[in-house]
PDB file of N, CA and C in Angstrom:
ATOM      1  N   TYR A   1     -67.714  34.932 -54.981  1.00  0.00           N
ATOM      2  CA  TYR A   1     -66.360  34.503 -55.231  1.00  0.00           C
ATOM      3  C   TYR A   1     -65.991  33.335 -54.311  1.00  0.00           C
ATOM      4  N   VAL A   2     -64.914  32.643 -54.645  1.00  0.00           N
ATOM      5  CA  VAL A   2     -64.481  31.462 -53.900  1.00  0.00           C
ATOM      6  C   VAL A   2     -63.337  31.847 -52.963  1.00  0.00           C
ATOM      7  N   GLU A   3     -63.455  31.460 -51.702  1.00  0.00           N
ATOM      8  CA  GLU A   3     -62.399  31.751 -50.733  1.00  0.00           C
ATOM      9  C   GLU A   3     -61.628  30.490 -50.393  1.00  0.00           C
ATOM     10  N   VAL A   4     -60.359  30.668 -50.052  1.00  0.00           N
ATOM     11  CA  VAL A   4     -59.477  29.554 -49.707  1.00  0.00           C
ATOM     12  C   VAL A   4     -59.516  29.329 -48.200  1.00  0.00           C
ATOM     13  N   VAL A   5     -59.623  28.061 -47.810  1.00  0.00           N
ATOM     14  CA  VAL A   5     -59.656  27.677 -46.399  1.00  0.00           C
ATOM     15  C   VAL A   5     -58.518  26.689 -46.168  1.00  0.00           C
ATOM     16  N   ARG A   6     -57.756  26.903 -45.112  1.00  0.00           N
ATOM     17  CA  ARG A   6     -56.646  25.993 -44.781  1.00  0.00           C
ATOM     18  C   ARG A   6     -57.138  24.890 -43.846  1.00  0.00           C
ATOM     19  N   LEU A   7     -56.423  23.780 -43.833  1.00  0.00           N
ATOM     20  CA  LEU A   7     -56.749  22.714 -42.886  1.00  0.00           C
ATOM     21  C   LEU A   7     -56.669  23.223 -41.458  1.00  0.00           C
ATOM     22  N   SER A   8     -55.698  24.091 -41.195  1.00  0.00           N
ATOM     23  CA  SER A   8     -55.551  24.633 -39.835  1.00  0.00           C
ATOM     24  C   SER A   8     -56.775  25.462 -39.436  1.00  0.00           C
ATOM     25  N   ASP A   9     -57.472  26.063 -40.430  1.00  0.00           N
ATOM     26  CA  ASP A   9     -58.717  26.789 -40.131  1.00  0.00           C
ATOM     27  C   ASP A   9     -59.796  25.811 -39.676  1.00  0.00           C
ATOM     28  N   LEU A  10     -59.874  24.651 -40.344  1.00  0.00           N
ATOM     29  CA  LEU A  10     -60.864  23.639 -39.971  1.00  0.00           C
ATOM     30  C   LEU A  10     -60.575  23.106 -38.571  1.00  0.00           C
ATOM     31  N   GLU A  11     -59.312  22.976 -38.260  1.00  0.00           N
ATOM     32  CA  GLU A  11     -58.895  22.464 -36.945  1.00  0.00           C
ATOM     33  C   GLU A  11     -59.434  23.342 -35.821  1.00  0.00           C
ATOM     34  N   ARG A  12     -59.491  24.656 -36.044  1.00  0.00           N
ATOM     35  CA  ARG A  12     -59.908  25.608 -34.999  1.00  0.00           C
ATOM     36  C   ARG A  12     -61.423  25.686 -34.814  1.00  0.00           C
ATOM     37  N   ILE A  13     -62.188  25.247 -35.806  1.00  0.00           N
ATOM     38  CA  ILE A  13     -63.653  25.339 -35.705  1.00  0.00           C
ATOM     39  C   ILE A  13     -64.161  24.239 -34.775  1.00  0.00           C
ATOM     40  N   ALA A  14     -64.976  24.610 -33.803  1.00  0.00           N
ATOM     41  CA  ALA A  14     -65.435  23.655 -32.786  1.00  0.00           C
ATOM     42  C   ALA A  14     -66.680  22.888 -33.227  1.00  0.00           C
ATOM     43  N   VAL A  15     -66.786  22.609 -34.511  1.00  0.00           N
ATOM     44  CA  VAL A  15     -67.938  21.882 -35.045  1.00  0.00           C
ATOM     45  C   VAL A  15     -67.393  20.720 -35.879  1.00  0.00           C
ATOM     46  N   ASP A  16     -68.058  19.570 -35.805  1.00  0.00           N
ATOM     47  CA  ASP A  16     -67.587  18.404 -36.550  1.00  0.00           C
ATOM     48  C   ASP A  16     -68.138  18.331 -37.970  1.00  0.00           C
ATOM     49  N   GLU A  17     -69.321  18.923 -38.187  1.00  0.00           N
ATOM     50  CA  GLU A  17     -69.928  18.950 -39.521  1.00  0.00           C
ATOM     51  C   GLU A  17     -69.685  20.345 -40.108  1.00  0.00           C
ATOM     52  N   ILE A  18     -68.823  20.428 -41.100  1.00  0.00           N
ATOM     53  CA  ILE A  18     -68.433  21.735 -41.630  1.00  0.00           C
ATOM     54  C   ILE A  18     -68.968  21.917 -43.046  1.00  0.00           C
ATOM     55  N   ASP A  19     -69.662  23.031 -43.270  1.00  0.00           N
ATOM     56  CA  ASP A  19     -70.112  23.418 -44.598  1.00  0.00           C
ATOM     57  C   ASP A  19     -69.891  24.928 -44.752  1.00  0.00           C
ATOM     58  N   LEU A  20     -70.337  25.491 -45.857  1.00  0.00           N
ATOM     59  CA  LEU A  20     -70.091  26.912 -46.112  1.00  0.00           C
ATOM     60  C   LEU A  20     -70.701  27.804 -45.030  1.00  0.00           C
ATOM     61  N   THR A  21     -71.894  27.456 -44.556  1.00  0.00           N
ATOM     62  CA  THR A  21     -72.548  28.255 -43.514  1.00  0.00           C
ATOM     63  C   THR A  21     -71.717  28.277 -42.238  1.00  0.00           C
ATOM     64  N   VAL A  22     -71.197  27.129 -41.845  1.00  0.00           N
ATOM     65  CA  VAL A  22     -70.361  27.040 -40.638  1.00  0.00           C
ATOM     66  C   VAL A  22     -69.099  27.884 -40.816  1.00  0.00           C
ATOM     67  N   LEU A  23     -68.486  27.814 -42.005  1.00  0.00           N
ATOM     68  CA  LEU A  23     -67.277  28.593 -42.284  1.00  0.00           C
ATOM     69  C   LEU A  23     -67.563  30.089 -42.160  1.00  0.00           C
ATOM     70  N   LYS A  24     -68.719  30.523 -42.649  1.00  0.00           N
ATOM     71  CA  LYS A  24     -69.097  31.933 -42.546  1.00  0.00           C
ATOM     72  C   LYS A  24     -69.336  32.330 -41.090  1.00  0.00           C
ATOM     73  N   GLN A  25     -70.060  31.496 -40.340  1.00  0.00           N
ATOM     74  CA  GLN A  25     -70.368  31.801 -38.944  1.00  0.00           C
ATOM     75  C   GLN A  25     -69.102  31.855 -38.094  1.00  0.00           C
ATOM     76  N   ALA A  26     -68.112  31.042 -38.441  1.00  0.00           N
ATOM     77  CA  ALA A  26     -66.861  31.010 -37.678  1.00  0.00           C
ATOM     78  C   ALA A  26     -65.919  32.135 -38.092  1.00  0.00           C
ATOM     79  N   GLY A  27     -66.287  32.871 -39.145  1.00  0.00           N
ATOM     80  CA  GLY A  27     -65.447  33.975 -39.595  1.00  0.00           C
ATOM     81  C   GLY A  27     -64.245  33.533 -40.417  1.00  0.00           C
ATOM     82  N   VAL A  28     -64.266  32.289 -40.870  1.00  0.00           N
ATOM     83  CA  VAL A  28     -63.158  31.772 -41.677  1.00  0.00           C
ATOM     84  C   VAL A  28     -63.239  32.325 -43.101  1.00  0.00           C
ATOM     85  N   VAL A  29     -64.464  32.450 -43.611  1.00  0.00           N
ATOM     86  CA  VAL A  29     -64.669  33.061 -44.927  1.00  0.00           C
ATOM     87  C   VAL A  29     -65.622  34.243 -44.772  1.00  0.00           C
ATOM     88  N   SER A  30     -65.610  35.127 -45.735  1.00  0.00           N
ATOM     89  CA  SER A  30     -66.479  36.296 -45.731  1.00  0.00           C
ATOM     90  C   SER A  30     -67.936  35.882 -45.901  1.00  0.00           C
ATOM     91  N   SER A  31     -68.834  36.682 -45.375  1.00  0.00           N
ATOM     92  CA  SER A  31     -70.257  36.408 -45.546  1.00  0.00           C
ATOM     93  C   SER A  31     -70.667  36.556 -47.006  1.00  0.00           C
ATOM     94  N   LEU A  32     -69.815  37.166 -47.824  1.00  0.00           N
ATOM     95  CA  LEU A  32     -70.098  37.345 -49.256  1.00  0.00           C
ATOM     96  C   LEU A  32     -69.618  36.172 -50.107  1.00  0.00           C
ATOM     97  N   ALA A  33     -68.895  35.238 -49.515  1.00  0.00           N
ATOM     98  CA  ALA A  33     -68.344  34.116 -50.275  1.00  0.00           C
ATOM     99  C   ALA A  33     -69.470  33.262 -50.853  1.00  0.00           C
ATOM    100  N   ILE A  34     -69.301  32.887 -52.115  1.00  0.00           N
ATOM    101  CA  ILE A  34     -70.265  32.021 -52.786  1.00  0.00           C
ATOM    102  C   ILE A  34     -69.871  30.565 -52.572  1.00  0.00           C
ATOM    103  N   ASP A  35     -68.588  30.323 -52.456  1.00  0.00           N
ATOM    104  CA  ASP A  35     -68.075  28.969 -52.261  1.00  0.00           C
ATOM    105  C   ASP A  35     -66.718  29.058 -51.575  1.00  0.00           C
ATOM    106  N   ALA A  36     -66.215  27.918 -51.146  1.00  0.00           N
ATOM    107  CA  ALA A  36     -64.908  27.861 -50.505  1.00  0.00           C
ATOM    108  C   ALA A  36     -64.174  26.637 -51.020  1.00  0.00           C
ATOM    109  N   ARG A  37     -62.856  26.666 -50.896  1.00  0.00           N
ATOM    110  CA  ARG A  37     -62.022  25.539 -51.320  1.00  0.00           C
ATOM    111  C   ARG A  37     -61.007  25.278 -50.213  1.00  0.00           C
ATOM    112  N   VAL A  38     -61.010  24.050 -49.715  1.00  0.00           N
ATOM    113  CA  VAL A  38     -60.073  23.674 -48.657  1.00  0.00           C
ATOM    114  C   VAL A  38     -58.769  23.221 -49.303  1.00  0.00           C
ATOM    115  N   ILE A  39     -57.650  23.798 -48.843  1.00  0.00           N
ATOM    116  CA  ILE A  39     -56.345  23.447 -49.398  1.00  0.00           C
ATOM    117  C   ILE A  39     -55.478  22.776 -48.332  1.00  0.00           C
ATOM    118  N   LEU A  40     -54.458  22.067 -48.795  1.00  0.00           N
ATOM    119  CA  LEU A  40     -53.529  21.379 -47.896  1.00  0.00           C
ATOM    120  C   LEU A  40     -52.534  22.396 -47.357  1.00  0.00           C
ATOM    121  N   SER A  41     -52.905  23.052 -46.263  1.00  0.00           N
ATOM    122  CA  SER A  41     -52.043  24.030 -45.612  1.00  0.00           C
ATOM    123  C   SER A  41     -52.317  23.922 -44.121  1.00  0.00           C
ATOM    124  N   GLY A  42     -51.284  23.707 -43.343  1.00  0.00           N
ATOM    125  CA  GLY A  42     -51.485  23.443 -41.930  1.00  0.00           C
ATOM    126  C   GLY A  42     -51.820  21.973 -41.769  1.00  0.00           C
ATOM    127  N   GLU A  43     -52.342  21.625 -40.606  1.00  0.00           N
ATOM    128  CA  GLU A  43     -52.688  20.222 -40.406  1.00  0.00           C
ATOM    129  C   GLU A  43     -53.994  20.089 -39.663  1.00  0.00           C
ATOM    130  N   ILE A  44     -54.587  18.916 -39.780  1.00  0.00           N
ATOM    131  CA  ILE A  44     -55.821  18.630 -39.064  1.00  0.00           C
ATOM    132  C   ILE A  44     -55.612  17.323 -38.310  1.00  0.00           C
ATOM    133  N   THR A  45     -55.987  17.320 -37.038  1.00  0.00           N
ATOM    134  CA  THR A  45     -55.742  16.144 -36.216  1.00  0.00           C
ATOM    135  C   THR A  45     -57.032  15.549 -35.672  1.00  0.00           C
ATOM    136  N   ARG A  46     -58.161  16.180 -35.989  1.00  0.00           N
ATOM    137  CA  ARG A  46     -59.417  15.654 -35.466  1.00  0.00           C
ATOM    138  C   ARG A  46     -60.360  15.282 -36.596  1.00  0.00           C
ATOM    139  N   LYS A  47     -61.357  14.486 -36.258  1.00  0.00           N
ATOM    140  CA  LYS A  47     -62.312  13.975 -37.244  1.00  0.00           C
ATOM    141  C   LYS A  47     -63.363  15.046 -37.554  1.00  0.00           C
ATOM    142  N   VAL A  48     -63.422  15.456 -38.814  1.00  0.00           N
ATOM    143  CA  VAL A  48     -64.455  16.408 -39.247  1.00  0.00           C
ATOM    144  C   VAL A  48     -65.072  15.883 -40.536  1.00  0.00           C
ATOM    145  N   SER A  49     -66.288  16.310 -40.792  1.00  0.00           N
ATOM    146  CA  SER A  49     -66.972  15.970 -42.033  1.00  0.00           C
ATOM    147  C   SER A  49     -67.177  17.275 -42.796  1.00  0.00           C
ATOM    148  N   VAL A  50     -66.603  17.353 -43.989  1.00  0.00           N
ATOM    149  CA  VAL A  50     -66.710  18.560 -44.810  1.00  0.00           C
ATOM    150  C   VAL A  50     -67.754  18.290 -45.888  1.00  0.00           C
ATOM    151  N   ARG A  51     -68.773  19.135 -45.945  1.00  0.00           N
ATOM    152  CA  ARG A  51     -69.900  18.891 -46.841  1.00  0.00           C
ATOM    153  C   ARG A  51     -70.136  20.073 -47.787  1.00  0.00           C
ATOM    154  N   GLY A  52     -70.218  19.778 -49.077  1.00  0.00           N
ATOM    155  CA  GLY A  52     -70.598  20.791 -50.059  1.00  0.00           C
ATOM    156  C   GLY A  52     -69.573  21.886 -50.289  1.00  0.00           C
ATOM    157  N   VAL A  53     -68.321  21.614 -49.933  1.00  0.00           N
ATOM    158  CA  VAL A  53     -67.248  22.590 -50.131  1.00  0.00           C
ATOM    159  C   VAL A  53     -66.157  21.894 -50.942  1.00  0.00           C
ATOM    160  N   ALA A  54     -65.573  22.605 -51.904  1.00  0.00           N
ATOM    161  CA  ALA A  54     -64.501  22.025 -52.718  1.00  0.00           C
ATOM    162  C   ALA A  54     -63.281  21.735 -51.848  1.00  0.00           C
ATOM    163  N   VAL A  55     -62.614  20.623 -52.132  1.00  0.00           N
ATOM    164  CA  VAL A  55     -61.448  20.206 -51.355  1.00  0.00           C
ATOM    165  C   VAL A  55     -60.385  19.700 -52.326  1.00  0.00           C
ATOM    166  N   THR A  56     -59.142  20.155 -52.158  1.00  0.00           N
ATOM    167  CA  THR A  56     -58.070  19.665 -53.030  1.00  0.00           C
ATOM    168  C   THR A  56     -57.769  18.211 -52.682  1.00  0.00           C
ATOM    169  N   LYS A  57     -57.094  17.531 -53.599  1.00  0.00           N
ATOM    170  CA  LYS A  57     -56.773  16.119 -53.407  1.00  0.00           C
ATOM    171  C   LYS A  57     -55.952  15.901 -52.130  1.00  0.00           C
ATOM    172  N   GLY A  58     -54.951  16.753 -51.913  1.00  0.00           N
ATOM    173  CA  GLY A  58     -54.104  16.632 -50.734  1.00  0.00           C
ATOM    174  C   GLY A  58     -54.860  16.893 -49.446  1.00  0.00           C
ATOM    175  N   ALA A  59     -55.744  17.886 -49.461  1.00  0.00           N
ATOM    176  CA  ALA A  59     -56.531  18.206 -48.266  1.00  0.00           C
ATOM    177  C   ALA A  59     -57.496  17.072 -47.955  1.00  0.00           C
ATOM    178  N   LYS A  60     -58.084  16.483 -48.989  1.00  0.00           N
ATOM    179  CA  LYS A  60     -59.010  15.362 -48.789  1.00  0.00           C
ATOM    180  C   LYS A  60     -58.278  14.193 -48.135  1.00  0.00           C
ATOM    181  N   ALA A  61     -57.080  13.899 -48.618  1.00  0.00           N
ATOM    182  CA  ALA A  61     -56.295  12.804 -48.056  1.00  0.00           C
ATOM    183  C   ALA A  61     -55.990  13.069 -46.572  1.00  0.00           C
ATOM    184  N   ALA A  62     -55.657  14.301 -46.230  1.00  0.00           N
ATOM    185  CA  ALA A  62     -55.342  14.660 -44.844  1.00  0.00           C
ATOM    186  C   ALA A  62     -56.573  14.555 -43.954  1.00  0.00           C
ATOM    187  N   ILE A  63     -57.723  15.004 -44.442  1.00  0.00           N
ATOM    188  CA  ILE A  63     -58.967  14.935 -43.674  1.00  0.00           C
ATOM    189  C   ILE A  63     -59.330  13.465 -43.427  1.00  0.00           C
ATOM    190  N   GLU A  64     -59.209  12.634 -44.462  1.00  0.00           N
ATOM    191  CA  GLU A  64     -59.538  11.220 -44.324  1.00  0.00           C
ATOM    192  C   GLU A  64     -58.534  10.500 -43.425  1.00  0.00           C
ATOM    193  N   ALA A  65     -57.263  10.897 -43.479  1.00  0.00           N
ATOM    194  CA  ALA A  65     -56.237  10.289 -42.627  1.00  0.00           C
ATOM    195  C   ALA A  65     -56.519  10.584 -41.156  1.00  0.00           C
ATOM    196  N   ALA A  66     -57.164  11.718 -40.880  1.00  0.00           N
ATOM    197  CA  ALA A  66     -57.511  12.091 -39.496  1.00  0.00           C
ATOM    198  C   ALA A  66     -58.819  11.438 -39.063  1.00  0.00           C
ATOM    199  N   GLY A  67     -59.404  10.597 -39.935  1.00  0.00           N
ATOM    200  CA  GLY A  67     -60.644   9.907 -39.596  1.00  0.00           C
ATOM    201  C   GLY A  67     -61.887  10.623 -40.072  1.00  0.00           C
ATOM    202  N   GLY A  68     -61.713  11.734 -40.769  1.00  0.00           N
ATOM    203  CA  GLY A  68     -62.857  12.517 -41.250  1.00  0.00           C
ATOM    204  C   GLY A  68     -63.333  12.074 -42.613  1.00  0.00           C
ATOM    205  N   ALA A  69     -64.236  12.854 -43.187  1.00  0.00           N
ATOM    206  CA  ALA A  69     -64.788  12.526 -44.492  1.00  0.00           C
ATOM    207  C   ALA A  69     -65.091  13.797 -45.276  1.00  0.00           C
ATOM    208  N   VAL A  70     -65.078  13.652 -46.592  1.00  0.00           N
ATOM    209  CA  VAL A  70     -65.472  14.732 -47.489  1.00  0.00           C
ATOM    210  C   VAL A  70     -66.723  14.244 -48.211  1.00  0.00           C
ATOM    211  N   VAL A  71     -67.824  14.978 -48.054  1.00  0.00           N
ATOM    212  CA  VAL A  71     -69.108  14.574 -48.607  1.00  0.00           C
ATOM    213  C   VAL A  71     -69.541  15.589 -49.651  1.00  0.00           C
ATOM    214  N   ALA A  72     -69.814  15.126 -50.870  1.00  0.00           N
ATOM    215  CA  ALA A  72     -70.332  16.033 -51.897  1.00  0.00           C
ATOM    216  C   ALA A  72     -71.792  16.321 -51.563  1.00  0.00           C
ATOM    217  N   GLN A  73     -72.229  17.528 -51.862  1.00  0.00           N
ATOM    218  CA  GLN A  73     -73.595  17.906 -51.499  1.00  0.00           C
ATOM    219  C   GLN A  73     -74.572  17.497 -52.551  1.00  0.00           C
TER     220      GLN A  73
END
């Protein structure tokens, strides 16, 4: 199943390259999650690269505004 991830969740992860494995290791999503979707909730102030995870249009804009990137896998 697909789990929802907030921008504020990404902000708390101490890794700059974020993918599904990192989200699972950080406890942001369940180890049973098949995929995740980042939504525009909370804020992100640091540069992160999100790879292979679905991202809403608003969340992508916020990640890029913070200097980060969204990379399709």
